[in-house]
Amino acid sequence: MNKSDIVAKVAAETGMSQSALDMALGKVFSTISDSLSGGEDVAISGFGSFTVRSRAERQGRNPATGQPMTIKASKSVGFKAAKALKDAVN
């Protein structure tokens, strides 16, 4: 399921226009993205929480040549599902 499918399904269930829902969903995603890029965690009750995780610099190997290389430190987004979401899936 992609964003268009979600918008279409919610529009059918609520009677709202797809264009309004698409704009609202886009704002939700951009708000989450902005919060995470600012270093703030985002928790959605009953769904889960998004956190920014730091990865330290480390040594790796170039898969093509096998030569050792340094992998730069970076940040990534982590997601932990809430119990309600886990229960819904199981």
Protein backbone atom coordinates (compact mmCIF):
# COMPACT_ATOMS: atom_id res chain seq x y z
CA MET A 1 0.00 0.00 0.00
CA ASN A 2 1.38 3.40 -0.93
CA LYS A 3 0.38 7.00 -0.13
CA SER A 4 -2.19 7.16 -2.96
CA ASP A 5 -3.85 3.97 -1.74
CA ILE A 6 -4.03 5.32 1.81
CA VAL A 7 -5.54 8.61 0.62
CA ALA A 8 -8.12 6.80 -1.53
CA LYS A 9 -9.14 4.43 1.26
CA VAL A 10 -9.46 7.16 3.90
CA ALA A 11 -11.38 9.37 1.46
CA ALA A 12 -13.83 6.54 0.75
CA GLU A 13 -14.35 5.88 4.47
CA THR A 14 -14.70 9.52 5.54
CA GLY A 15 -16.30 11.16 2.51
CA MET A 16 -13.54 13.80 2.40
CA SER A 17 -11.93 14.84 -0.87
CA GLN A 18 -8.78 13.04 -1.93
CA SER A 19 -6.98 16.31 -2.63
CA ALA A 20 -7.61 17.62 0.90
CA LEU A 21 -6.50 14.31 2.42
CA ASP A 22 -3.39 14.19 0.25
CA MET A 23 -2.42 17.69 1.40
CA ALA A 24 -3.11 16.83 5.07
CA LEU A 25 -1.13 13.58 4.88
CA GLY A 26 1.75 15.41 3.21
CA LYS A 27 1.75 17.93 6.07
CA VAL A 28 1.79 15.11 8.65
CA PHE A 29 4.82 13.54 6.97
CA SER A 30 6.66 16.85 6.63
CA THR A 31 5.97 17.69 10.30
CA ILE A 32 7.39 14.32 11.38
CA SER A 33 10.41 14.83 9.11
CA ASP A 34 11.02 18.37 10.39
CA SER A 35 10.79 17.24 14.01
CA LEU A 36 13.23 14.38 13.46
CA SER A 37 15.70 16.58 11.58
CA GLY A 38 15.58 18.96 14.54
CA GLY A 39 16.56 16.11 16.87
CA GLU A 40 13.11 15.72 18.42
CA ASP A 41 11.48 12.30 18.84
CA VAL A 42 7.93 11.76 17.56
CA ALA A 43 5.49 9.49 19.40
CA ILE A 44 2.06 8.64 18.02
CA SER A 45 -0.09 7.01 20.66
CA GLY A 46 -1.29 3.55 19.64
CA PHE A 47 0.94 3.51 16.55
CA GLY A 48 4.58 3.88 17.54
CA SER A 49 7.49 6.22 17.98
CA PHE A 50 10.16 7.58 15.64
CA THR A 51 13.61 8.36 17.03
CA VAL A 52 16.88 9.64 15.63
CA ARG A 53 19.72 7.17 16.18
CA SER A 54 23.40 7.98 15.85
CA ARG A 55 25.83 5.61 14.23
CA ALA A 56 29.49 5.95 15.14
CA GLU A 57 32.28 5.97 12.58
CA ARG A 58 33.47 2.44 11.93
CA GLN A 59 35.72 0.32 9.76
CA GLY A 60 34.23 -1.68 6.90
CA ARG A 61 35.35 -3.32 3.68
CA ASN A 62 34.77 -2.26 0.11
CA PRO A 63 32.72 -5.19 -1.28
CA ALA A 64 34.21 -4.81 -4.76
CA THR A 65 37.88 -4.79 -3.76
CA GLY A 66 37.92 -6.13 -0.21
CA GLN A 67 40.04 -3.14 0.88
CA PRO A 68 39.39 -1.71 4.36
CA MET A 69 37.58 1.63 4.42
CA THR A 70 36.21 4.05 6.98
CA ILE A 71 32.42 4.44 7.08
CA LYS A 72 31.52 7.95 8.28
CA ALA A 73 29.36 8.60 11.33
CA SER A 74 25.72 9.16 10.43
CA LYS A 75 22.22 9.44 11.80
CA SER A 76 19.29 7.19 10.95
CA VAL A 77 15.62 7.05 11.84
CA GLY A 78 14.39 4.25 14.06
CA PHE A 79 10.78 3.17 14.52
CA LYS A 80 9.38 1.20 17.41
CA ALA A 81 5.83 -0.07 17.04
CA ALA A 82 3.38 0.47 19.88
CA LYS A 83 1.79 -2.52 21.59
CA ALA A 84 -1.58 -1.76 19.96
CA LEU A 85 -0.01 -1.92 16.49
CA LYS A 86 1.85 -5.13 17.31
CA ASP A 87 -1.36 -6.70 18.60
CA ALA A 88 -3.27 -5.61 15.46
CA VAL A 89 -0.67 -7.25 13.23
CA ASN A 90 -0.64 -10.47 15.21
